[in-house]
């Protein structure tokens, strides 16, 4: 290595050193620390004591852990596909040539910019059993609506409905993907006699399949980390009969209310493995279904 190359290497390392230090202290160290603490009895107030796999064994025996896992899977099972379907439908509508299209796009995207706390407060009043706007309109139709957030059977569906409020990001990504679909493919499909739904099925969906996969994976990541909404909107430790005790909410309660940081670290790593497994499963399942610029 010449003197000039050594100087360039030194200058390059100096330029990236803030990023390297930030990665080490704020990302790598917490990750490795949580992995070690997941094998410890650690309450923050006292030094950690290594106990091996005890935290993981205790998790398997913890009834609330399984309740939170079930609630999270239930939420993700409905929120992800329906949210993506609504986002794709809006993107298809906004990809047409109508007057004031930029205004419509802005209107549909704006709700996703609302801070999660403000959104939770807003929807808490919408779902209010006595004075909520939703129940008022349902009463006009002669429908006796439940006290959404206070009802064991309706609390999770209420949060699923609320999740559709923030589909603006997915909609914008779908819209960008739709604008890259060649118009010639639609013209060829029309010549072959394809109708609107057939063009979506045989042209649009295959051409934007990488975008669908990306949004689906991002949906998995966000759905399994739902926290602020149920924490603000539902009463008690997790709603009526723990019907809204989602995984991250129980993790938060375990770590910062019960001060069982080792137990919470074990929960965090199990959550990481769940999200990783579902992501790899989605990628594997889409292996022969995603179109990448001529390579299927």
C-alpha atoms as a PDB file:
ATOM      1  CA  UNK A   1       0.000   0.000   0.000  1.00  0.00           C
ATOM      2  CA  UNK A   2       1.433   3.333  -1.063  1.00  0.00           C
ATOM      3  CA  UNK A   3       1.648   6.420   1.089  1.00  0.00           C
ATOM      4  CA  UNK A   4      -1.227   8.036  -0.798  1.00  0.00           C
ATOM      5  CA  UNK A   5      -3.440   4.958  -0.386  1.00  0.00           C
ATOM      6  CA  UNK A   6      -2.744   4.891   3.362  1.00  0.00           C
ATOM      7  CA  UNK A   7      -3.649   8.577   3.590  1.00  0.00           C
ATOM      8  CA  UNK A   8      -6.902   7.988   1.685  1.00  0.00           C
ATOM      9  CA  UNK A   9      -7.730   5.023   3.914  1.00  0.00           C
ATOM     10  CA  UNK A  10      -7.097   7.098   7.049  1.00  0.00           C
ATOM     11  CA  UNK A  11      -9.222   9.981   5.769  1.00  0.00           C
ATOM     12  CA  UNK A  12     -12.000   7.599   4.772  1.00  0.00           C
ATOM     13  CA  UNK A  13     -12.049   5.969   8.203  1.00  0.00           C
ATOM     14  CA  UNK A  14     -12.114   9.384   9.866  1.00  0.00           C
ATOM     15  CA  UNK A  15     -15.119  10.406   7.779  1.00  0.00           C
ATOM     16  CA  UNK A  16     -17.087   7.235   8.574  1.00  0.00           C
ATOM     17  CA  UNK A  17     -15.954   7.027  12.215  1.00  0.00           C
ATOM     18  CA  UNK A  18     -19.082   8.821  13.592  1.00  0.00           C
ATOM     19  CA  UNK A  19     -21.264   6.243  11.870  1.00  0.00           C
ATOM     20  CA  UNK A  20     -19.074   3.345  13.066  1.00  0.00           C
ATOM     21  CA  UNK A  21     -19.125   4.650  16.653  1.00  0.00           C
ATOM     22  CA  UNK A  22     -22.878   5.189  16.502  1.00  0.00           C
ATOM     23  CA  UNK A  23     -23.422   1.693  15.123  1.00  0.00           C
ATOM     24  CA  UNK A  24     -21.260   0.187  17.839  1.00  0.00           C
ATOM     25  CA  UNK A  25     -22.584   2.070  20.865  1.00  0.00           C
ATOM     26  CA  UNK A  26     -26.244   2.541  19.940  1.00  0.00           C
ATOM     27  CA  UNK A  27     -27.008  -0.626  17.951  1.00  0.00           C
ATOM     28  CA  UNK A  28     -24.471  -3.441  18.290  1.00  0.00           C
ATOM     29  CA  UNK A  29     -23.848  -3.038  22.025  1.00  0.00           C
ATOM     30  CA  UNK A  30     -27.580  -2.987  22.987  1.00  0.00           C
ATOM     31  CA  UNK A  31     -28.216  -6.016  20.764  1.00  0.00           C
ATOM     32  CA  UNK A  32     -25.400  -8.071  22.255  1.00  0.00           C
ATOM     33  CA  UNK A  33     -26.241  -6.835  25.756  1.00  0.00           C
ATOM     34  CA  UNK A  34     -29.885  -7.911  25.420  1.00  0.00           C
ATOM     35  CA  UNK A  35     -28.767 -11.317  24.170  1.00  0.00           C
ATOM     36  CA  UNK A  36     -26.573 -11.806  27.254  1.00  0.00           C
ATOM     37  CA  UNK A  37     -29.256 -10.480  29.624  1.00  0.00           C
ATOM     38  CA  UNK A  38     -31.804 -12.900  28.176  1.00  0.00           C
ATOM     39  CA  UNK A  39     -29.798 -15.615  29.959  1.00  0.00           C
ATOM     40  CA  UNK A  40     -29.667 -13.645  33.229  1.00  0.00           C
ATOM     41  CA  UNK A  41     -31.820 -12.727  36.179  1.00  0.00           C
ATOM     42  CA  UNK A  42     -31.604  -8.962  35.761  1.00  0.00           C
ATOM     43  CA  UNK A  43     -33.755  -6.263  37.378  1.00  0.00           C
ATOM     44  CA  UNK A  44     -31.679  -3.168  36.374  1.00  0.00           C
ATOM     45  CA  UNK A  45     -31.316  -2.284  40.063  1.00  0.00           C
ATOM     46  CA  UNK A  46     -28.885  -5.151  40.722  1.00  0.00           C
ATOM     47  CA  UNK A  47     -26.082  -6.752  38.701  1.00  0.00           C
ATOM     48  CA  UNK A  48     -27.208  -9.503  36.288  1.00  0.00           C
ATOM     49  CA  UNK A  49     -26.905 -13.106  37.454  1.00  0.00           C
ATOM     50  CA  UNK A  50     -26.438 -15.774  34.792  1.00  0.00           C
ATOM     51  CA  UNK A  51     -29.215 -18.395  34.967  1.00  0.00           C
ATOM     52  CA  UNK A  52     -28.935 -20.081  31.575  1.00  0.00           C
ATOM     53  CA  UNK A  53     -32.164 -20.950  29.744  1.00  0.00           C
ATOM     54  CA  UNK A  54     -34.418 -20.332  32.759  1.00  0.00           C
ATOM     55  CA  UNK A  55     -36.056 -17.231  31.231  1.00  0.00           C
ATOM     56  CA  UNK A  56     -36.953 -19.132  28.064  1.00  0.00           C
ATOM     57  CA  UNK A  57     -38.322 -22.069  30.060  1.00  0.00           C
ATOM     58  CA  UNK A  58     -40.397 -19.691  32.199  1.00  0.00           C
ATOM     59  CA  UNK A  59     -41.743 -18.042  29.045  1.00  0.00           C
ATOM     60  CA  UNK A  60     -43.110 -21.367  27.842  1.00  0.00           C
ATOM     61  CA  UNK A  61     -44.993 -21.682  31.162  1.00  0.00           C
ATOM     62  CA  UNK A  62     -46.265 -18.085  31.204  1.00  0.00           C
ATOM     63  CA  UNK A  63     -49.964 -17.924  30.313  1.00  0.00           C
ATOM     64  CA  UNK A  64     -49.911 -14.179  29.550  1.00  0.00           C
ATOM     65  CA  UNK A  65     -47.056 -14.736  27.100  1.00  0.00           C
ATOM     66  CA  UNK A  66     -49.200 -17.109  25.051  1.00  0.00           C
ATOM     67  CA  UNK A  67     -52.180 -14.753  25.259  1.00  0.00           C
ATOM     68  CA  UNK A  68     -50.062 -11.869  23.960  1.00  0.00           C
ATOM     69  CA  UNK A  69     -48.684 -14.070  21.182  1.00  0.00           C
ATOM     70  CA  UNK A  70     -52.188 -15.125  20.129  1.00  0.00           C
ATOM     71  CA  UNK A  71     -53.452 -11.528  20.172  1.00  0.00           C
ATOM     72  CA  UNK A  72     -50.531 -10.391  18.034  1.00  0.00           C
ATOM     73  CA  UNK A  73     -50.953 -13.179  15.480  1.00  0.00           C
ATOM     74  CA  UNK A  74     -54.706 -12.481  15.325  1.00  0.00           C
ATOM     75  CA  UNK A  75     -54.053  -8.798  14.700  1.00  0.00           C
ATOM     76  CA  UNK A  76     -51.392  -9.480  12.053  1.00  0.00           C
ATOM     77  CA  UNK A  77     -53.500 -12.131  10.284  1.00  0.00           C
ATOM     78  CA  UNK A  78     -56.255  -9.612   9.528  1.00  0.00           C
ATOM     79  CA  UNK A  79     -54.485  -6.240   9.542  1.00  0.00           C
ATOM     80  CA  UNK A  80     -51.753  -7.130   7.038  1.00  0.00           C
ATOM     81  CA  UNK A  81     -53.747  -8.613   4.100  1.00  0.00           C
ATOM     82  CA  UNK A  82     -56.726  -6.268   4.415  1.00  0.00           C
ATOM     83  CA  UNK A  83     -54.465  -3.255   4.859  1.00  0.00           C
ATOM     84  CA  UNK A  84     -52.447  -4.175   1.764  1.00  0.00           C
ATOM     85  CA  UNK A  85     -55.620  -4.795  -0.235  1.00  0.00           C
ATOM     86  CA  UNK A  86     -57.028  -1.379   0.691  1.00  0.00           C
ATOM     87  CA  UNK A  87     -53.694   0.328  -0.040  1.00  0.00           C
ATOM     88  CA  UNK A  88     -53.445  -1.350  -3.465  1.00  0.00           C
ATOM     89  CA  UNK A  89     -57.070  -0.473  -4.285  1.00  0.00           C
ATOM     90  CA  UNK A  90     -56.489   3.189  -3.434  1.00  0.00           C
ATOM     91  CA  UNK A  91     -53.286   3.182  -5.474  1.00  0.00           C
ATOM     92  CA  UNK A  92     -55.168   1.800  -8.489  1.00  0.00           C
ATOM     93  CA  UNK A  93     -57.810   4.503  -8.147  1.00  0.00           C
ATOM     94  CA  UNK A  94     -55.201   7.238  -7.762  1.00  0.00           C
ATOM     95  CA  UNK A  95     -53.282   5.969 -10.792  1.00  0.00           C
ATOM     96  CA  UNK A  96     -56.072   7.032 -13.121  1.00  0.00           C
ATOM     97  CA  UNK A  97     -56.207  10.307 -15.032  1.00  0.00           C
ATOM     98  CA  UNK A  98     -58.844  12.465 -13.324  1.00  0.00           C
ATOM     99  CA  UNK A  99     -58.912  16.140 -12.452  1.00  0.00           C
ATOM    100  CA  UNK A 100     -57.446  17.095  -9.072  1.00  0.00           C
ATOM    101  CA  UNK A 101     -55.574  13.813  -8.743  1.00  0.00           C
ATOM    102  CA  UNK A 102     -52.724  15.373  -6.747  1.00  0.00           C
ATOM    103  CA  UNK A 103     -55.257  16.674  -4.223  1.00  0.00           C
ATOM    104  CA  UNK A 104     -56.783  13.221  -3.780  1.00  0.00           C
ATOM    105  CA  UNK A 105     -53.343  11.666  -3.326  1.00  0.00           C
ATOM    106  CA  UNK A 106     -52.511  14.217  -0.649  1.00  0.00           C
ATOM    107  CA  UNK A 107     -55.799  13.634   1.164  1.00  0.00           C
ATOM    108  CA  UNK A 108     -55.279   9.872   1.328  1.00  0.00           C
ATOM    109  CA  UNK A 109     -51.633  10.194   2.384  1.00  0.00           C
ATOM    110  CA  UNK A 110     -52.080  12.860   5.086  1.00  0.00           C
ATOM    111  CA  UNK A 111     -53.534  10.530   7.772  1.00  0.00           C
ATOM    112  CA  UNK A 112     -50.317   8.490   7.791  1.00  0.00           C
ATOM    113  CA  UNK A 113     -48.424  11.629   8.860  1.00  0.00           C
ATOM    114  CA  UNK A 114     -50.462  12.037  12.036  1.00  0.00           C
ATOM    115  CA  UNK A 115     -48.397  11.102  15.130  1.00  0.00           C
ATOM    116  CA  UNK A 116     -49.406   7.750  16.575  1.00  0.00           C
ATOM    117  CA  UNK A 117     -50.368   9.253  19.947  1.00  0.00           C
ATOM    118  CA  UNK A 118     -52.656  11.836  18.352  1.00  0.00           C
ATOM    119  CA  UNK A 119     -54.147   9.153  16.113  1.00  0.00           C
ATOM    120  CA  UNK A 120     -54.792   6.900  19.117  1.00  0.00           C
ATOM    121  CA  UNK A 121     -56.548   9.728  21.001  1.00  0.00           C
ATOM    122  CA  UNK A 122     -58.688  10.475  17.949  1.00  0.00           C
ATOM    123  CA  UNK A 123     -59.743   6.868  17.427  1.00  0.00           C
ATOM    124  CA  UNK A 124     -60.356   6.388  21.135  1.00  0.00           C
ATOM    125  CA  UNK A 125     -63.168   8.927  20.845  1.00  0.00           C
ATOM    126  CA  UNK A 126     -64.398   7.501  17.549  1.00  0.00           C
ATOM    127  CA  UNK A 127     -64.786   4.102  19.244  1.00  0.00           C
ATOM    128  CA  UNK A 128     -66.261   5.534  22.448  1.00  0.00           C
ATOM    129  CA  UNK A 129     -69.248   3.379  23.411  1.00  0.00           C
ATOM    130  CA  UNK A 130     -71.471   6.297  24.514  1.00  0.00           C
ATOM    131  CA  UNK A 131     -70.330   9.366  22.609  1.00  0.00           C
ATOM    132  CA  UNK A 132     -68.359   7.906  19.705  1.00  0.00           C
ATOM    133  CA  UNK A 133     -68.927   9.111  16.156  1.00  0.00           C
ATOM    134  CA  UNK A 134     -68.938   5.581  14.778  1.00  0.00           C
ATOM    135  CA  UNK A 135     -71.661   4.377  17.135  1.00  0.00           C
ATOM    136  CA  UNK A 136     -73.717   7.490  16.387  1.00  0.00           C
ATOM    137  CA  UNK A 137     -73.786   6.776  12.651  1.00  0.00           C
ATOM    138  CA  UNK A 138     -74.499   3.105  13.279  1.00  0.00           C
ATOM    139  CA  UNK A 139     -77.434   4.091  15.480  1.00  0.00           C
ATOM    140  CA  UNK A 140     -78.868   6.098  12.572  1.00  0.00           C
ATOM    141  CA  UNK A 141     -78.937   2.841  10.636  1.00  0.00           C
ATOM    142  CA  UNK A 142     -80.690   1.083  13.509  1.00  0.00           C
ATOM    143  CA  UNK A 143     -77.585  -0.907  14.476  1.00  0.00           C
ATOM    144  CA  UNK A 144     -76.813  -1.341  18.164  1.00  0.00           C
ATOM    145  CA  UNK A 145     -73.036  -0.972  18.253  1.00  0.00           C
ATOM    146  CA  UNK A 146     -70.832  -2.359  21.037  1.00  0.00           C
ATOM    147  CA  UNK A 147     -68.529  -0.492  23.372  1.00  0.00           C
ATOM    148  CA  UNK A 148     -65.662  -1.292  21.073  1.00  0.00           C
ATOM    149  CA  UNK A 149     -62.628  -0.888  23.308  1.00  0.00           C
ATOM    150  CA  UNK A 150     -64.385  -2.268  26.395  1.00  0.00           C
ATOM    151  CA  UNK A 151     -65.649  -5.416  24.703  1.00  0.00           C
ATOM    152  CA  UNK A 152     -63.582  -8.606  24.683  1.00  0.00           C
ATOM    153  CA  UNK A 153     -64.803  -9.599  21.224  1.00  0.00           C
ATOM    154  CA  UNK A 154     -64.556  -6.185  19.542  1.00  0.00           C
ATOM    155  CA  UNK A 155     -61.397  -4.614  21.003  1.00  0.00           C
ATOM    156  CA  UNK A 156     -58.994  -6.302  18.564  1.00  0.00           C
ATOM    157  CA  UNK A 157     -61.207  -5.690  15.484  1.00  0.00           C
ATOM    158  CA  UNK A 158     -61.359  -2.023  16.519  1.00  0.00           C
ATOM    159  CA  UNK A 159     -57.569  -1.791  16.501  1.00  0.00           C
ATOM    160  CA  UNK A 160     -57.440  -3.593  13.166  1.00  0.00           C
ATOM    161  CA  UNK A 161     -59.843  -1.032  11.698  1.00  0.00           C
ATOM    162  CA  UNK A 162     -57.712   1.768  13.126  1.00  0.00           C
ATOM    163  CA  UNK A 163     -54.609   0.349  11.422  1.00  0.00           C
ATOM    164  CA  UNK A 164     -56.155   1.073   8.016  1.00  0.00           C
ATOM    165  CA  UNK A 165     -55.883   4.782   8.834  1.00  0.00           C
ATOM    166  CA  UNK A 166     -52.100   4.663   8.301  1.00  0.00           C
ATOM    167  CA  UNK A 167     -51.876   2.840   4.968  1.00  0.00           C
ATOM    168  CA  UNK A 168     -50.661   5.971   3.187  1.00  0.00           C
ATOM    169  CA  UNK A 169     -47.040   4.807   3.034  1.00  0.00           C
ATOM    170  CA  UNK A 170     -47.958   1.489   1.435  1.00  0.00           C
ATOM    171  CA  UNK A 171     -50.307   3.280  -0.958  1.00  0.00           C
ATOM    172  CA  UNK A 172     -47.539   5.636  -2.139  1.00  0.00           C
ATOM    173  CA  UNK A 173     -45.156   2.711  -2.707  1.00  0.00           C
ATOM    174  CA  UNK A 174     -47.834   0.859  -4.684  1.00  0.00           C
ATOM    175  CA  UNK A 175     -48.510   4.007  -6.683  1.00  0.00           C
ATOM    176  CA  UNK A 176     -44.831   4.316  -7.574  1.00  0.00           C
ATOM    177  CA  UNK A 177     -44.797   0.682  -8.677  1.00  0.00           C
ATOM    178  CA  UNK A 178     -47.922   1.109 -10.801  1.00  0.00           C
ATOM    179  CA  UNK A 179     -46.407   4.022 -12.681  1.00  0.00           C
ATOM    180  CA  UNK A 180     -43.530   1.783 -13.772  1.00  0.00           C
ATOM    181  CA  UNK A 181     -45.829  -0.752 -15.444  1.00  0.00           C
ATOM    182  CA  UNK A 182     -45.463  -0.369 -19.249  1.00  0.00           C
ATOM    183  CA  UNK A 183     -48.605   0.959 -20.905  1.00  0.00           C
ATOM    184  CA  UNK A 184     -47.935  -1.353 -23.872  1.00  0.00           C
ATOM    185  CA  UNK A 185     -48.779  -4.361 -21.688  1.00  0.00           C
ATOM    186  CA  UNK A 186     -52.236  -2.952 -20.947  1.00  0.00           C
ATOM    187  CA  UNK A 187     -52.770  -2.183 -24.631  1.00  0.00           C
ATOM    188  CA  UNK A 188     -51.806  -5.731 -25.567  1.00  0.00           C
ATOM    189  CA  UNK A 189     -54.188  -7.103 -22.935  1.00  0.00           C
ATOM    190  CA  UNK A 190     -57.018  -4.940 -24.308  1.00  0.00           C
ATOM    191  CA  UNK A 191     -56.366  -6.239 -27.817  1.00  0.00           C
ATOM    192  CA  UNK A 192     -56.644  -9.780 -26.438  1.00  0.00           C
ATOM    193  CA  UNK A 193     -60.030  -8.851 -24.945  1.00  0.00           C
ATOM    194  CA  UNK A 194     -59.053  -8.603 -21.274  1.00  0.00           C
ATOM    195  CA  UNK A 195     -61.395  -6.679 -19.020  1.00  0.00           C
ATOM    196  CA  UNK A 196     -60.418  -4.448 -16.079  1.00  0.00           C
ATOM    197  CA  UNK A 197     -60.115  -7.245 -13.499  1.00  0.00           C
ATOM    198  CA  UNK A 198     -58.233  -9.505 -15.889  1.00  0.00           C
ATOM    199  CA  UNK A 199     -55.702  -6.746 -16.603  1.00  0.00           C
ATOM    200  CA  UNK A 200     -55.144  -6.307 -12.874  1.00  0.00           C
ATOM    201  CA  UNK A 201     -54.720 -10.038 -12.335  1.00  0.00           C
ATOM    202  CA  UNK A 202     -52.524 -10.857 -15.329  1.00  0.00           C
ATOM    203  CA  UNK A 203     -50.644  -7.584 -15.866  1.00  0.00           C
ATOM    204  CA  UNK A 204     -50.676  -5.314 -12.832  1.00  0.00           C
ATOM    205  CA  UNK A 205     -50.144  -7.818 -10.024  1.00  0.00           C
ATOM    206  CA  UNK A 206     -47.267  -9.726 -11.712  1.00  0.00           C
ATOM    207  CA  UNK A 207     -45.496  -6.489 -12.675  1.00  0.00           C
ATOM    208  CA  UNK A 208     -45.682  -4.989  -9.171  1.00  0.00           C
ATOM    209  CA  UNK A 209     -45.098  -8.284  -7.347  1.00  0.00           C
ATOM    210  CA  UNK A 210     -41.742  -7.074  -5.893  1.00  0.00           C
ATOM    211  CA  UNK A 211     -43.565  -4.067  -4.423  1.00  0.00           C
ATOM    212  CA  UNK A 212     -46.271  -6.328  -2.994  1.00  0.00           C
ATOM    213  CA  UNK A 213     -43.622  -8.523  -1.377  1.00  0.00           C
ATOM    214  CA  UNK A 214     -41.824  -5.507   0.093  1.00  0.00           C
ATOM    215  CA  UNK A 215     -45.016  -4.028   1.556  1.00  0.00           C
ATOM    216  CA  UNK A 216     -46.069  -7.415   2.900  1.00  0.00           C
ATOM    217  CA  UNK A 217     -42.743  -7.880   4.706  1.00  0.00           C
ATOM    218  CA  UNK A 218     -42.888  -4.348   6.109  1.00  0.00           C
ATOM    219  CA  UNK A 219     -46.444  -5.086   7.219  1.00  0.00           C
ATOM    220  CA  UNK A 220     -45.225  -8.153   9.130  1.00  0.00           C
ATOM    221  CA  UNK A 221     -42.533  -6.118  10.879  1.00  0.00           C
ATOM    222  CA  UNK A 222     -44.884  -3.310  11.901  1.00  0.00           C
ATOM    223  CA  UNK A 223     -47.843  -5.521  12.829  1.00  0.00           C
ATOM    224  CA  UNK A 224     -45.808  -7.605  15.268  1.00  0.00           C
ATOM    225  CA  UNK A 225     -44.536  -4.438  16.940  1.00  0.00           C
ATOM    226  CA  UNK A 226     -47.916  -2.805  17.587  1.00  0.00           C
ATOM    227  CA  UNK A 227     -47.686  -0.947  20.877  1.00  0.00           C
ATOM    228  CA  UNK A 228     -48.752   2.702  21.124  1.00  0.00           C
ATOM    229  CA  UNK A 229     -52.367   2.219  20.020  1.00  0.00           C
ATOM    230  CA  UNK A 230     -53.427  -0.446  22.533  1.00  0.00           C
ATOM    231  CA  UNK A 231     -51.258   1.109  25.257  1.00  0.00           C
ATOM    232  CA  UNK A 232     -53.093   4.447  24.980  1.00  0.00           C
ATOM    233  CA  UNK A 233     -56.562   3.351  23.949  1.00  0.00           C
ATOM    234  CA  UNK A 234     -57.351   0.304  26.077  1.00  0.00           C
ATOM    235  CA  UNK A 235     -57.697   0.341  29.862  1.00  0.00           C
ATOM    236  CA  UNK A 236     -55.796  -1.674  32.448  1.00  0.00           C
ATOM    237  CA  UNK A 237     -52.864  -3.965  31.745  1.00  0.00           C
ATOM    238  CA  UNK A 238     -54.134  -4.898  28.307  1.00  0.00           C
ATOM    239  CA  UNK A 239     -57.800  -4.209  27.718  1.00  0.00           C
ATOM    240  CA  UNK A 240     -60.774  -6.246  28.868  1.00  0.00           C
ATOM    241  CA  UNK A 241     -59.682  -9.766  29.850  1.00  0.00           C
ATOM    242  CA  UNK A 242     -56.273  -8.990  28.290  1.00  0.00           C
ATOM    243  CA  UNK A 243     -57.834  -9.003  24.829  1.00  0.00           C
ATOM    244  CA  UNK A 244     -55.428  -6.246  23.706  1.00  0.00           C
ATOM    245  CA  UNK A 245     -52.311  -7.448  25.501  1.00  0.00           C
ATOM    246  CA  UNK A 246     -50.116  -7.550  22.437  1.00  0.00           C
ATOM    247  CA  UNK A 247     -46.593  -8.950  22.491  1.00  0.00           C
ATOM    248  CA  UNK A 248     -44.682  -5.667  22.654  1.00  0.00           C
ATOM    249  CA  UNK A 249     -47.105  -4.292  25.241  1.00  0.00           C
ATOM    250  CA  UNK A 250     -46.477  -7.271  27.513  1.00  0.00           C
ATOM    251  CA  UNK A 251     -42.737  -6.929  26.853  1.00  0.00           C
ATOM    252  CA  UNK A 252     -42.900  -3.278  27.928  1.00  0.00           C
ATOM    253  CA  UNK A 253     -44.847  -4.130  31.080  1.00  0.00           C
ATOM    254  CA  UNK A 254     -42.395  -6.890  31.947  1.00  0.00           C
ATOM    255  CA  UNK A 255     -39.316  -4.713  31.419  1.00  0.00           C
ATOM    256  CA  UNK A 256     -40.320  -1.303  32.767  1.00  0.00           C
ATOM    257  CA  UNK A 257     -43.159  -2.018  35.192  1.00  0.00           C
ATOM    258  CA  UNK A 258     -42.102  -5.361  36.678  1.00  0.00           C
ATOM    259  CA  UNK A 259     -38.365  -4.640  36.157  1.00  0.00           C
ATOM    260  CA  UNK A 260     -37.749  -8.177  34.879  1.00  0.00           C
ATOM    261  CA  UNK A 261     -35.280  -7.053  32.236  1.00  0.00           C
ATOM    262  CA  UNK A 262     -33.779 -10.507  31.657  1.00  0.00           C
ATOM    263  CA  UNK A 263     -37.221 -12.004  31.052  1.00  0.00           C
ATOM    264  CA  UNK A 264     -38.083  -9.108  28.717  1.00  0.00           C
ATOM    265  CA  UNK A 265     -34.808  -9.584  26.808  1.00  0.00           C
ATOM    266  CA  UNK A 266     -35.746 -13.216  26.204  1.00  0.00           C
ATOM    267  CA  UNK A 267     -39.132 -12.051  24.905  1.00  0.00           C
ATOM    268  CA  UNK A 268     -37.418  -9.572  22.584  1.00  0.00           C
ATOM    269  CA  UNK A 269     -35.232 -12.273  21.047  1.00  0.00           C
ATOM    270  CA  UNK A 270     -38.197 -14.586  20.557  1.00  0.00           C
ATOM    271  CA  UNK A 271     -40.005 -11.737  18.799  1.00  0.00           C
ATOM    272  CA  UNK A 272     -36.949 -11.225  16.586  1.00  0.00           C
ATOM    273  CA  UNK A 273     -36.926 -14.920  15.669  1.00  0.00           C
ATOM    274  CA  UNK A 274     -40.672 -14.870  14.908  1.00  0.00           C
ATOM    275  CA  UNK A 275     -40.379 -11.863  12.591  1.00  0.00           C
ATOM    276  CA  UNK A 276     -37.256 -13.309  10.949  1.00  0.00           C
ATOM    277  CA  UNK A 277     -38.946 -16.667  10.392  1.00  0.00           C
ATOM    278  CA  UNK A 278     -42.081 -15.098   8.885  1.00  0.00           C
ATOM    279  CA  UNK A 279     -39.971 -12.849   6.657  1.00  0.00           C
ATOM    280  CA  UNK A 280     -37.905 -15.779   5.366  1.00  0.00           C
ATOM    281  CA  UNK A 281     -41.112 -17.777   4.880  1.00  0.00           C
ATOM    282  CA  UNK A 282     -42.645 -14.948   2.835  1.00  0.00           C
ATOM    283  CA  UNK A 283     -39.509 -14.669   0.684  1.00  0.00           C
ATOM    284  CA  UNK A 284     -39.377 -18.427   0.151  1.00  0.00           C
ATOM    285  CA  UNK A 285     -43.099 -18.647  -0.682  1.00  0.00           C
ATOM    286  CA  UNK A 286     -42.725 -15.862  -3.258  1.00  0.00           C
ATOM    287  CA  UNK A 287     -39.646 -17.351  -4.906  1.00  0.00           C
ATOM    288  CA  UNK A 288     -41.438 -18.362  -8.119  1.00  0.00           C
ATOM    289  CA  UNK A 289     -44.150 -15.705  -7.938  1.00  0.00           C
ATOM    290  CA  UNK A 290     -42.204 -12.441  -8.000  1.00  0.00           C
ATOM    291  CA  UNK A 291     -41.240 -10.853 -11.319  1.00  0.00           C
ATOM    292  CA  UNK A 292     -37.860  -9.088 -11.470  1.00  0.00           C
ATOM    293  CA  UNK A 293     -37.247  -7.370 -14.817  1.00  0.00           C
ATOM    294  CA  UNK A 294     -37.534 -10.430 -17.017  1.00  0.00           C
ATOM    295  CA  UNK A 295     -36.317 -12.943 -14.394  1.00  0.00           C
ATOM    296  CA  UNK A 296     -39.085 -14.979 -12.792  1.00  0.00           C
END
